[in-house]
């Protein structure tokens, strides 16, 4: 929606909102839904987001710059440490913090009130401790309300209300969009007045090469076996555009020769599948034909290499 109120107007609000939470609670799905366009990749596998991703929502009220962060978890590799560090740093310079939790799997629906108490205090204790040092208002977003009964939503609200002094608590369904409009209104409530940070038509600050790399990684996440996705990265070797076609050469990095074989598949079938579904989505995004070529390379223990993490754009 075009912004009808210019940044110099005294009624215009503009600010940054960080989305934090445990891995796989729907942070990227929520951000994509709020801005009305897919920028961050999504997956049912945890720790999908690896970088700090900024997207922009411009409305009649002003502008919200959303900062999607990696899930806060107990890191086991340097990549994991970098992801957690990225998430925590996002709390320092924002106007609003959105702490996202989920209902359904591993929570109130399947564990009952008694174990839900322990689940929250244990799994999310580190997040609560980090928030205690923040001066920004914290909005609790309870996701997946479409997967449970209303009574369970009310129970979760009462539990979290005792757990932390949230400025607001907003139940939503990031997948269906239920109550997301209300969440946007609540976010604006806590933003400062000021000029917009980006032009009205800006959606993200992510370079196109990075978005393309993430699309390819998402398609690999959706198609590969459970133990492989955390050990892969995607590097764009070449991206050249002409008037009618974009040529892209990309390399999927993995940690083991056995993983390389699985990624390629029998007769190259898996790599072709990843390339086909990736090309389809990239073409929709670029609105032109794409010539995508994929390779697979092994870099052992790359997730613990400062040099390789920096080369892949994943280090701090």
C-alpha atoms as a PDB file:
ATOM      1  CA  UNK A   1       0.000   0.000   0.000  1.00  0.00           C
ATOM      2  CA  UNK A   2       1.516   3.382  -0.938  1.00  0.00           C
ATOM      3  CA  UNK A   3       2.330   5.592   2.001  1.00  0.00           C
ATOM      4  CA  UNK A   4       0.028   8.625   1.860  1.00  0.00           C
ATOM      5  CA  UNK A   5       1.673  10.389   4.803  1.00  0.00           C
ATOM      6  CA  UNK A   6       5.147  11.644   4.115  1.00  0.00           C
ATOM      7  CA  UNK A   7       7.926  11.275   6.648  1.00  0.00           C
ATOM      8  CA  UNK A   8       7.945  14.965   7.530  1.00  0.00           C
ATOM      9  CA  UNK A   9       4.334  14.792   8.752  1.00  0.00           C
ATOM     10  CA  UNK A  10       4.118  14.995  12.539  1.00  0.00           C
ATOM     11  CA  UNK A  11       1.668  12.082  12.622  1.00  0.00           C
ATOM     12  CA  UNK A  12       4.011   9.694  10.812  1.00  0.00           C
ATOM     13  CA  UNK A  13       5.567   6.899  12.857  1.00  0.00           C
ATOM     14  CA  UNK A  14       8.705   5.012  11.886  1.00  0.00           C
ATOM     15  CA  UNK A  15      10.895   2.550  13.737  1.00  0.00           C
ATOM     16  CA  UNK A  16      12.512  -0.856  14.019  1.00  0.00           C
ATOM     17  CA  UNK A  17      10.864  -4.004  15.377  1.00  0.00           C
ATOM     18  CA  UNK A  18      12.966  -7.093  16.117  1.00  0.00           C
ATOM     19  CA  UNK A  19      11.323 -10.516  15.942  1.00  0.00           C
ATOM     20  CA  UNK A  20      12.987 -12.957  18.345  1.00  0.00           C
ATOM     21  CA  UNK A  21      12.222 -16.380  19.759  1.00  0.00           C
ATOM     22  CA  UNK A  22      13.282 -19.998  19.825  1.00  0.00           C
ATOM     23  CA  UNK A  23      14.034 -21.759  16.521  1.00  0.00           C
ATOM     24  CA  UNK A  24      11.098 -22.848  14.384  1.00  0.00           C
ATOM     25  CA  UNK A  25       8.311 -20.872  16.085  1.00  0.00           C
ATOM     26  CA  UNK A  26       7.307 -19.084  12.867  1.00  0.00           C
ATOM     27  CA  UNK A  27       9.335 -15.846  12.954  1.00  0.00           C
ATOM     28  CA  UNK A  28      10.098 -15.772   9.225  1.00  0.00           C
ATOM     29  CA  UNK A  29       6.554 -16.840   8.348  1.00  0.00           C
ATOM     30  CA  UNK A  30       5.183 -13.966  10.432  1.00  0.00           C
ATOM     31  CA  UNK A  31       7.491 -11.411   8.857  1.00  0.00           C
ATOM     32  CA  UNK A  32       6.611 -12.564   5.343  1.00  0.00           C
ATOM     33  CA  UNK A  33       2.909 -12.356   6.189  1.00  0.00           C
ATOM     34  CA  UNK A  34       3.179  -8.860   7.694  1.00  0.00           C
ATOM     35  CA  UNK A  35       4.912  -7.366   4.664  1.00  0.00           C
ATOM     36  CA  UNK A  36       2.782  -9.347   2.208  1.00  0.00           C
ATOM     37  CA  UNK A  37       5.730 -10.843   0.349  1.00  0.00           C
ATOM     38  CA  UNK A  38       8.113 -13.741   0.813  1.00  0.00           C
ATOM     39  CA  UNK A  39      11.618 -12.541   1.665  1.00  0.00           C
ATOM     40  CA  UNK A  40      12.829 -14.852   4.443  1.00  0.00           C
ATOM     41  CA  UNK A  41      12.884 -18.577   3.727  1.00  0.00           C
ATOM     42  CA  UNK A  42      10.736 -20.873   5.819  1.00  0.00           C
ATOM     43  CA  UNK A  43      10.999 -24.511   6.794  1.00  0.00           C
ATOM     44  CA  UNK A  44       9.648 -26.939   9.362  1.00  0.00           C
ATOM     45  CA  UNK A  45      13.269 -27.602  10.325  1.00  0.00           C
ATOM     46  CA  UNK A  46      14.685 -25.420  13.142  1.00  0.00           C
ATOM     47  CA  UNK A  47      17.414 -22.787  12.765  1.00  0.00           C
ATOM     48  CA  UNK A  48      16.446 -21.961   9.182  1.00  0.00           C
ATOM     49  CA  UNK A  49      17.266 -18.238   9.387  1.00  0.00           C
ATOM     50  CA  UNK A  50      21.002 -17.614   9.728  1.00  0.00           C
ATOM     51  CA  UNK A  51      21.336 -13.882   9.187  1.00  0.00           C
ATOM     52  CA  UNK A  52      19.682 -10.715  10.405  1.00  0.00           C
ATOM     53  CA  UNK A  53      17.124  -9.945   7.701  1.00  0.00           C
ATOM     54  CA  UNK A  54      15.410  -6.572   7.429  1.00  0.00           C
ATOM     55  CA  UNK A  55      12.117  -6.048   5.640  1.00  0.00           C
ATOM     56  CA  UNK A  56      10.003  -2.924   5.350  1.00  0.00           C
ATOM     57  CA  UNK A  57       6.274  -2.338   5.771  1.00  0.00           C
ATOM     58  CA  UNK A  58       5.028   1.098   4.673  1.00  0.00           C
ATOM     59  CA  UNK A  59       1.415   2.049   5.405  1.00  0.00           C
ATOM     60  CA  UNK A  60      -0.666   5.170   5.937  1.00  0.00           C
ATOM     61  CA  UNK A  61       0.526   5.286   9.536  1.00  0.00           C
ATOM     62  CA  UNK A  62       4.216   5.240   8.693  1.00  0.00           C
ATOM     63  CA  UNK A  63       6.904   2.594   8.355  1.00  0.00           C
ATOM     64  CA  UNK A  64       7.953  -0.488  10.297  1.00  0.00           C
ATOM     65  CA  UNK A  65      11.359  -2.022   9.620  1.00  0.00           C
ATOM     66  CA  UNK A  66      11.146  -5.644  10.740  1.00  0.00           C
ATOM     67  CA  UNK A  67      14.344  -7.385  11.812  1.00  0.00           C
ATOM     68  CA  UNK A  68      13.988 -11.160  11.521  1.00  0.00           C
ATOM     69  CA  UNK A  69      16.613 -12.966  13.589  1.00  0.00           C
ATOM     70  CA  UNK A  70      17.954 -16.509  13.931  1.00  0.00           C
ATOM     71  CA  UNK A  71      16.364 -18.529  16.700  1.00  0.00           C
ATOM     72  CA  UNK A  72      18.029 -18.266  20.095  1.00  0.00           C
ATOM     73  CA  UNK A  73      19.307 -21.734  21.012  1.00  0.00           C
ATOM     74  CA  UNK A  74      22.215 -23.538  22.672  1.00  0.00           C
ATOM     75  CA  UNK A  75      24.952 -23.234  20.060  1.00  0.00           C
ATOM     76  CA  UNK A  76      27.103 -26.250  19.194  1.00  0.00           C
ATOM     77  CA  UNK A  77      29.161 -24.748  16.339  1.00  0.00           C
ATOM     78  CA  UNK A  78      30.691 -21.388  15.476  1.00  0.00           C
ATOM     79  CA  UNK A  79      27.841 -20.923  13.018  1.00  0.00           C
ATOM     80  CA  UNK A  80      25.413 -21.475  15.881  1.00  0.00           C
ATOM     81  CA  UNK A  81      27.305 -19.006  18.066  1.00  0.00           C
ATOM     82  CA  UNK A  82      27.187 -16.448  15.264  1.00  0.00           C
ATOM     83  CA  UNK A  83      23.441 -16.966  14.845  1.00  0.00           C
ATOM     84  CA  UNK A  84      22.741 -16.500  18.554  1.00  0.00           C
ATOM     85  CA  UNK A  85      25.015 -13.447  18.669  1.00  0.00           C
ATOM     86  CA  UNK A  86      23.161 -11.950  15.694  1.00  0.00           C
ATOM     87  CA  UNK A  87      19.816 -12.462  17.417  1.00  0.00           C
ATOM     88  CA  UNK A  88      20.988 -10.880  20.674  1.00  0.00           C
ATOM     89  CA  UNK A  89      22.587  -7.876  18.962  1.00  0.00           C
ATOM     90  CA  UNK A  90      19.263  -7.145  17.259  1.00  0.00           C
ATOM     91  CA  UNK A  91      17.805  -6.247  20.660  1.00  0.00           C
ATOM     92  CA  UNK A  92      20.137  -3.313  21.196  1.00  0.00           C
ATOM     93  CA  UNK A  93      19.006  -0.863  18.525  1.00  0.00           C
ATOM     94  CA  UNK A  94      15.288  -1.411  18.014  1.00  0.00           C
ATOM     95  CA  UNK A  95      12.201   0.456  19.151  1.00  0.00           C
ATOM     96  CA  UNK A  96      10.021  -2.609  19.744  1.00  0.00           C
ATOM     97  CA  UNK A  97      10.804  -6.257  20.489  1.00  0.00           C
ATOM     98  CA  UNK A  98       8.423  -8.964  19.330  1.00  0.00           C
ATOM     99  CA  UNK A  99       8.985 -12.140  21.325  1.00  0.00           C
ATOM    100  CA  UNK A 100       7.339 -14.969  19.436  1.00  0.00           C
ATOM    101  CA  UNK A 101       6.257 -18.252  21.019  1.00  0.00           C
ATOM    102  CA  UNK A 102       4.078 -20.983  19.605  1.00  0.00           C
ATOM    103  CA  UNK A 103       1.182 -23.144  20.606  1.00  0.00           C
ATOM    104  CA  UNK A 104       0.729 -26.674  19.336  1.00  0.00           C
ATOM    105  CA  UNK A 105       3.781 -28.896  19.021  1.00  0.00           C
ATOM    106  CA  UNK A 106       6.006 -28.991  22.133  1.00  0.00           C
ATOM    107  CA  UNK A 107       3.763 -26.620  24.025  1.00  0.00           C
ATOM    108  CA  UNK A 108       0.445 -26.285  25.782  1.00  0.00           C
ATOM    109  CA  UNK A 109      -1.604 -28.396  23.395  1.00  0.00           C
ATOM    110  CA  UNK A 110       0.469 -31.548  23.685  1.00  0.00           C
ATOM    111  CA  UNK A 111       2.084 -31.178  27.092  1.00  0.00           C
ATOM    112  CA  UNK A 112      -0.668 -29.848  29.339  1.00  0.00           C
ATOM    113  CA  UNK A 113      -0.509 -26.921  31.727  1.00  0.00           C
ATOM    114  CA  UNK A 114       1.850 -28.552  34.193  1.00  0.00           C
ATOM    115  CA  UNK A 115       4.660 -29.375  31.774  1.00  0.00           C
ATOM    116  CA  UNK A 116       4.030 -26.217  29.769  1.00  0.00           C
ATOM    117  CA  UNK A 117       5.200 -24.234  32.788  1.00  0.00           C
ATOM    118  CA  UNK A 118       8.528 -26.041  32.797  1.00  0.00           C
ATOM    119  CA  UNK A 119       8.782 -25.841  29.026  1.00  0.00           C
ATOM    120  CA  UNK A 120       8.542 -22.064  29.076  1.00  0.00           C
ATOM    121  CA  UNK A 121      10.841 -21.468  32.027  1.00  0.00           C
ATOM    122  CA  UNK A 122      13.540 -23.843  30.809  1.00  0.00           C
ATOM    123  CA  UNK A 123      13.541 -23.449  27.014  1.00  0.00           C
ATOM    124  CA  UNK A 124      13.034 -19.699  26.962  1.00  0.00           C
ATOM    125  CA  UNK A 125      14.830 -18.660  30.147  1.00  0.00           C
ATOM    126  CA  UNK A 126      17.790 -17.248  28.218  1.00  0.00           C
ATOM    127  CA  UNK A 127      15.483 -15.113  26.092  1.00  0.00           C
ATOM    128  CA  UNK A 128      13.777 -13.702  29.170  1.00  0.00           C
ATOM    129  CA  UNK A 129      17.156 -12.906  30.713  1.00  0.00           C
ATOM    130  CA  UNK A 130      18.246 -11.045  27.582  1.00  0.00           C
ATOM    131  CA  UNK A 131      15.043  -9.025  27.526  1.00  0.00           C
ATOM    132  CA  UNK A 132      15.564  -7.861  31.103  1.00  0.00           C
ATOM    133  CA  UNK A 133      18.475  -5.766  29.850  1.00  0.00           C
ATOM    134  CA  UNK A 134      16.453  -4.145  27.076  1.00  0.00           C
ATOM    135  CA  UNK A 135      14.730  -0.763  27.369  1.00  0.00           C
ATOM    136  CA  UNK A 136      12.425  -1.380  24.396  1.00  0.00           C
ATOM    137  CA  UNK A 137       8.810  -2.461  25.016  1.00  0.00           C
ATOM    138  CA  UNK A 138       8.272  -6.178  24.473  1.00  0.00           C
ATOM    139  CA  UNK A 139       5.205  -7.509  22.667  1.00  0.00           C
ATOM    140  CA  UNK A 140       4.511 -11.195  23.164  1.00  0.00           C
ATOM    141  CA  UNK A 141       3.148 -12.844  20.024  1.00  0.00           C
ATOM    142  CA  UNK A 142       1.575 -16.256  20.590  1.00  0.00           C
ATOM    143  CA  UNK A 143       1.595 -18.093  17.263  1.00  0.00           C
ATOM    144  CA  UNK A 144      -0.464 -20.964  15.845  1.00  0.00           C
ATOM    145  CA  UNK A 145      -3.710 -20.088  17.590  1.00  0.00           C
ATOM    146  CA  UNK A 146      -5.516 -21.816  14.730  1.00  0.00           C
ATOM    147  CA  UNK A 147      -4.112 -25.170  15.883  1.00  0.00           C
ATOM    148  CA  UNK A 148      -5.507 -25.196  19.436  1.00  0.00           C
ATOM    149  CA  UNK A 149      -8.691 -24.504  21.377  1.00  0.00           C
ATOM    150  CA  UNK A 150      -9.399 -20.992  22.659  1.00  0.00           C
ATOM    151  CA  UNK A 151      -9.073 -22.201  26.243  1.00  0.00           C
ATOM    152  CA  UNK A 152      -5.449 -23.117  25.595  1.00  0.00           C
ATOM    153  CA  UNK A 153      -4.757 -19.667  24.160  1.00  0.00           C
ATOM    154  CA  UNK A 154      -6.199 -18.052  27.284  1.00  0.00           C
ATOM    155  CA  UNK A 155      -4.121 -20.361  29.506  1.00  0.00           C
ATOM    156  CA  UNK A 156      -0.951 -19.451  27.626  1.00  0.00           C
ATOM    157  CA  UNK A 157      -1.706 -15.734  27.924  1.00  0.00           C
ATOM    158  CA  UNK A 158      -2.178 -16.023  31.691  1.00  0.00           C
ATOM    159  CA  UNK A 159       0.994 -18.037  32.055  1.00  0.00           C
ATOM    160  CA  UNK A 160       3.192 -15.635  30.093  1.00  0.00           C
ATOM    161  CA  UNK A 161       1.636 -12.611  31.782  1.00  0.00           C
ATOM    162  CA  UNK A 162       3.159 -13.889  35.038  1.00  0.00           C
ATOM    163  CA  UNK A 163       6.438 -14.805  33.372  1.00  0.00           C
ATOM    164  CA  UNK A 164       7.377 -11.368  31.997  1.00  0.00           C
ATOM    165  CA  UNK A 165       5.919  -7.808  32.126  1.00  0.00           C
ATOM    166  CA  UNK A 166       4.966  -7.560  28.453  1.00  0.00           C
ATOM    167  CA  UNK A 167       3.690  -4.280  27.048  1.00  0.00           C
ATOM    168  CA  UNK A 168       1.113  -6.245  25.012  1.00  0.00           C
ATOM    169  CA  UNK A 169       0.172  -9.846  24.276  1.00  0.00           C
ATOM    170  CA  UNK A 170      -1.191 -10.604  20.801  1.00  0.00           C
ATOM    171  CA  UNK A 171      -2.288 -14.113  19.718  1.00  0.00           C
ATOM    172  CA  UNK A 172      -1.935 -14.716  15.958  1.00  0.00           C
ATOM    173  CA  UNK A 173      -1.717 -17.307  13.237  1.00  0.00           C
ATOM    174  CA  UNK A 174       1.282 -16.360  11.111  1.00  0.00           C
ATOM    175  CA  UNK A 175       0.319 -18.918   8.472  1.00  0.00           C
ATOM    176  CA  UNK A 176      -3.288 -17.820   7.949  1.00  0.00           C
ATOM    177  CA  UNK A 177      -2.788 -14.168   8.890  1.00  0.00           C
ATOM    178  CA  UNK A 178      -5.391 -14.254  11.663  1.00  0.00           C
ATOM    179  CA  UNK A 179      -5.036 -11.201  13.929  1.00  0.00           C
ATOM    180  CA  UNK A 180      -1.906  -9.989  12.085  1.00  0.00           C
ATOM    181  CA  UNK A 181      -3.594  -6.665  11.258  1.00  0.00           C
ATOM    182  CA  UNK A 182      -4.145  -6.131  14.964  1.00  0.00           C
ATOM    183  CA  UNK A 183      -0.478  -6.902  15.630  1.00  0.00           C
ATOM    184  CA  UNK A 184       0.597  -4.193  13.166  1.00  0.00           C
ATOM    185  CA  UNK A 185      -1.629  -1.674  14.978  1.00  0.00           C
ATOM    186  CA  UNK A 186      -0.073  -2.634  18.299  1.00  0.00           C
ATOM    187  CA  UNK A 187       3.466  -2.275  16.906  1.00  0.00           C
ATOM    188  CA  UNK A 188       2.738   1.216  15.596  1.00  0.00           C
ATOM    189  CA  UNK A 189       1.470   2.152  19.038  1.00  0.00           C
ATOM    190  CA  UNK A 190       5.012   1.861  20.423  1.00  0.00           C
ATOM    191  CA  UNK A 191       6.984   3.381  17.538  1.00  0.00           C
ATOM    192  CA  UNK A 192       8.349   6.939  17.722  1.00  0.00           C
ATOM    193  CA  UNK A 193       7.214   9.742  15.438  1.00  0.00           C
ATOM    194  CA  UNK A 194       9.604  10.514  12.635  1.00  0.00           C
ATOM    195  CA  UNK A 195      10.527  10.259   8.986  1.00  0.00           C
ATOM    196  CA  UNK A 196      10.538   6.981   7.093  1.00  0.00           C
ATOM    197  CA  UNK A 197      13.876   5.225   6.767  1.00  0.00           C
ATOM    198  CA  UNK A 198      13.272   3.802   3.291  1.00  0.00           C
ATOM    199  CA  UNK A 199      11.406   4.743   0.107  1.00  0.00           C
ATOM    200  CA  UNK A 200       7.756   3.685   0.017  1.00  0.00           C
ATOM    201  CA  UNK A 201       8.382   0.860  -2.475  1.00  0.00           C
ATOM    202  CA  UNK A 202      11.295  -0.706  -0.551  1.00  0.00           C
ATOM    203  CA  UNK A 203      10.562  -4.240   0.704  1.00  0.00           C
ATOM    204  CA  UNK A 204      13.966  -5.408   1.942  1.00  0.00           C
ATOM    205  CA  UNK A 205      17.584  -4.355   2.277  1.00  0.00           C
ATOM    206  CA  UNK A 206      18.821  -7.810   1.299  1.00  0.00           C
ATOM    207  CA  UNK A 207      21.009  -8.033  -1.845  1.00  0.00           C
ATOM    208  CA  UNK A 208      19.375 -10.017  -4.648  1.00  0.00           C
ATOM    209  CA  UNK A 209      22.246 -12.516  -4.663  1.00  0.00           C
ATOM    210  CA  UNK A 210      21.570 -13.306  -1.000  1.00  0.00           C
ATOM    211  CA  UNK A 211      17.841 -13.748  -1.606  1.00  0.00           C
ATOM    212  CA  UNK A 212      18.560 -16.115  -4.500  1.00  0.00           C
ATOM    213  CA  UNK A 213      21.016 -18.113  -2.384  1.00  0.00           C
ATOM    214  CA  UNK A 214      18.413 -18.419   0.382  1.00  0.00           C
ATOM    215  CA  UNK A 215      15.748 -19.613  -2.068  1.00  0.00           C
ATOM    216  CA  UNK A 216      18.054 -22.406  -3.221  1.00  0.00           C
ATOM    217  CA  UNK A 217      18.854 -23.335   0.385  1.00  0.00           C
ATOM    218  CA  UNK A 218      15.153 -23.398   1.243  1.00  0.00           C
ATOM    219  CA  UNK A 219      14.423 -25.837  -1.585  1.00  0.00           C
ATOM    220  CA  UNK A 220      17.289 -28.017  -0.387  1.00  0.00           C
ATOM    221  CA  UNK A 221      15.882 -27.896   3.167  1.00  0.00           C
ATOM    222  CA  UNK A 222      12.504 -29.076   1.901  1.00  0.00           C
ATOM    223  CA  UNK A 223      13.910 -32.012  -0.065  1.00  0.00           C
ATOM    224  CA  UNK A 224      16.939 -33.350   1.805  1.00  0.00           C
ATOM    225  CA  UNK A 225      17.177 -35.767   4.716  1.00  0.00           C
ATOM    226  CA  UNK A 226      17.044 -34.497   8.303  1.00  0.00           C
ATOM    227  CA  UNK A 227      20.758 -34.669   9.127  1.00  0.00           C
ATOM    228  CA  UNK A 228      21.941 -32.727   6.060  1.00  0.00           C
ATOM    229  CA  UNK A 229      20.264 -29.266   6.022  1.00  0.00           C
ATOM    230  CA  UNK A 230      22.170 -27.793   8.988  1.00  0.00           C
ATOM    231  CA  UNK A 231      25.412 -28.697   7.211  1.00  0.00           C
ATOM    232  CA  UNK A 232      24.741 -26.878   3.939  1.00  0.00           C
ATOM    233  CA  UNK A 233      25.295 -23.363   2.669  1.00  0.00           C
ATOM    234  CA  UNK A 234      24.685 -21.866  -0.757  1.00  0.00           C
ATOM    235  CA  UNK A 235      27.132 -19.548  -2.502  1.00  0.00           C
ATOM    236  CA  UNK A 236      26.264 -17.573  -5.654  1.00  0.00           C
ATOM    237  CA  UNK A 237      29.312 -17.814  -7.926  1.00  0.00           C
ATOM    238  CA  UNK A 238      27.861 -15.771 -10.797  1.00  0.00           C
ATOM    239  CA  UNK A 239      24.713 -13.755 -11.417  1.00  0.00           C
ATOM    240  CA  UNK A 240      24.513 -11.971 -14.751  1.00  0.00           C
ATOM    241  CA  UNK A 241      21.377 -10.343 -16.113  1.00  0.00           C
ATOM    242  CA  UNK A 242      20.403  -9.570 -19.678  1.00  0.00           C
ATOM    243  CA  UNK A 243      17.161  -8.019 -20.866  1.00  0.00           C
ATOM    244  CA  UNK A 244      15.410 -11.380 -21.165  1.00  0.00           C
ATOM    245  CA  UNK A 245      17.333 -13.883 -19.024  1.00  0.00           C
ATOM    246  CA  UNK A 246      19.355 -14.100 -15.805  1.00  0.00           C
ATOM    247  CA  UNK A 247      22.276 -16.535 -15.665  1.00  0.00           C
ATOM    248  CA  UNK A 248      23.020 -17.888 -12.179  1.00  0.00           C
ATOM    249  CA  UNK A 249      25.808 -20.251 -11.126  1.00  0.00           C
ATOM    250  CA  UNK A 250      25.532 -21.463  -7.538  1.00  0.00           C
ATOM    251  CA  UNK A 251      27.346 -23.967  -5.335  1.00  0.00           C
ATOM    252  CA  UNK A 252      25.794 -25.959  -2.518  1.00  0.00           C
ATOM    253  CA  UNK A 253      28.402 -26.456   0.215  1.00  0.00           C
ATOM    254  CA  UNK A 254      28.174 -29.548   2.437  1.00  0.00           C
ATOM    255  CA  UNK A 255      30.390 -31.124   5.086  1.00  0.00           C
ATOM    256  CA  UNK A 256      30.725 -34.769   4.016  1.00  0.00           C
ATOM    257  CA  UNK A 257      31.249 -36.782   0.817  1.00  0.00           C
ATOM    258  CA  UNK A 258      28.264 -38.922   1.813  1.00  0.00           C
ATOM    259  CA  UNK A 259      26.128 -35.771   1.995  1.00  0.00           C
ATOM    260  CA  UNK A 260      27.353 -34.706  -1.434  1.00  0.00           C
ATOM    261  CA  UNK A 261      26.108 -37.984  -2.863  1.00  0.00           C
ATOM    262  CA  UNK A 262      22.684 -37.519  -1.292  1.00  0.00           C
ATOM    263  CA  UNK A 263      22.393 -33.925  -2.506  1.00  0.00           C
ATOM    264  CA  UNK A 264      23.265 -34.965  -6.060  1.00  0.00           C
ATOM    265  CA  UNK A 265      21.106 -38.082  -5.914  1.00  0.00           C
ATOM    266  CA  UNK A 266      20.998 -41.080  -8.210  1.00  0.00           C
ATOM    267  CA  UNK A 267      21.812 -39.933 -11.701  1.00  0.00           C
ATOM    268  CA  UNK A 268      21.740 -36.332 -10.457  1.00  0.00           C
ATOM    269  CA  UNK A 269      17.989 -36.540  -9.762  1.00  0.00           C
ATOM    270  CA  UNK A 270      17.970 -34.720  -6.412  1.00  0.00           C
ATOM    271  CA  UNK A 271      20.171 -31.849  -7.605  1.00  0.00           C
ATOM    272  CA  UNK A 272      17.961 -31.467 -10.675  1.00  0.00           C
ATOM    273  CA  UNK A 273      14.870 -31.354  -8.453  1.00  0.00           C
ATOM    274  CA  UNK A 274      16.384 -28.701  -6.187  1.00  0.00           C
ATOM    275  CA  UNK A 275      17.421 -26.700  -9.234  1.00  0.00           C
ATOM    276  CA  UNK A 276      14.017 -26.986 -10.894  1.00  0.00           C
ATOM    277  CA  UNK A 277      11.945 -25.799  -7.913  1.00  0.00           C
ATOM    278  CA  UNK A 278      14.510 -23.073  -7.140  1.00  0.00           C
ATOM    279  CA  UNK A 279      14.465 -21.797 -10.714  1.00  0.00           C
ATOM    280  CA  UNK A 280      10.657 -21.657 -10.713  1.00  0.00           C
ATOM    281  CA  UNK A 281      10.556 -19.425  -7.625  1.00  0.00           C
ATOM    282  CA  UNK A 282      13.469 -17.236  -8.739  1.00  0.00           C
ATOM    283  CA  UNK A 283      11.772 -16.670 -12.097  1.00  0.00           C
ATOM    284  CA  UNK A 284       8.576 -15.589 -10.336  1.00  0.00           C
ATOM    285  CA  UNK A 285      10.566 -13.142  -8.207  1.00  0.00           C
ATOM    286  CA  UNK A 286      12.659 -11.697 -11.060  1.00  0.00           C
ATOM    287  CA  UNK A 287       9.822 -11.901 -13.599  1.00  0.00           C
ATOM    288  CA  UNK A 288      12.139 -13.201 -16.288  1.00  0.00           C
ATOM    289  CA  UNK A 289      13.675 -16.453 -17.496  1.00  0.00           C
ATOM    290  CA  UNK A 290      16.464 -17.916 -15.356  1.00  0.00           C
ATOM    291  CA  UNK A 291      19.301 -20.207 -16.412  1.00  0.00           C
ATOM    292  CA  UNK A 292      20.349 -21.838 -13.130  1.00  0.00           C
ATOM    293  CA  UNK A 293      23.355 -24.115 -12.815  1.00  0.00           C
ATOM    294  CA  UNK A 294      24.103 -25.895  -9.518  1.00  0.00           C
ATOM    295  CA  UNK A 295      27.243 -27.565  -8.239  1.00  0.00           C
ATOM    296  CA  UNK A 296      28.020 -29.349  -4.952  1.00  0.00           C
ATOM    297  CA  UNK A 297      31.311 -29.050  -3.027  1.00  0.00           C
ATOM    298  CA  UNK A 298      32.503 -30.558   0.237  1.00  0.00           C
ATOM    299  CA  UNK A 299      34.047 -28.281   2.875  1.00  0.00           C
ATOM    300  CA  UNK A 300      34.536 -30.332   6.017  1.00  0.00           C
ATOM    301  CA  UNK A 301      33.453 -28.666   9.281  1.00  0.00           C
ATOM    302  CA  UNK A 302      32.790 -25.361   7.511  1.00  0.00           C
ATOM    303  CA  UNK A 303      30.388 -24.383  10.294  1.00  0.00           C
ATOM    304  CA  UNK A 304      33.379 -24.187  12.661  1.00  0.00           C
ATOM    305  CA  UNK A 305      35.652 -22.244  10.304  1.00  0.00           C
ATOM    306  CA  UNK A 306      35.793 -18.479  10.882  1.00  0.00           C
ATOM    307  CA  UNK A 307      37.319 -18.046   7.424  1.00  0.00           C
ATOM    308  CA  UNK A 308      34.612 -20.000   5.584  1.00  0.00           C
ATOM    309  CA  UNK A 309      31.775 -18.477   7.622  1.00  0.00           C
ATOM    310  CA  UNK A 310      33.021 -15.021   6.645  1.00  0.00           C
ATOM    311  CA  UNK A 311      33.331 -16.071   3.000  1.00  0.00           C
ATOM    312  CA  UNK A 312      29.778 -17.383   3.033  1.00  0.00           C
ATOM    313  CA  UNK A 313      28.507 -14.171   4.618  1.00  0.00           C
ATOM    314  CA  UNK A 314      27.553 -15.904   7.868  1.00  0.00           C
ATOM    315  CA  UNK A 315      30.170 -14.700  10.360  1.00  0.00           C
ATOM    316  CA  UNK A 316      29.970 -11.687  12.676  1.00  0.00           C
END
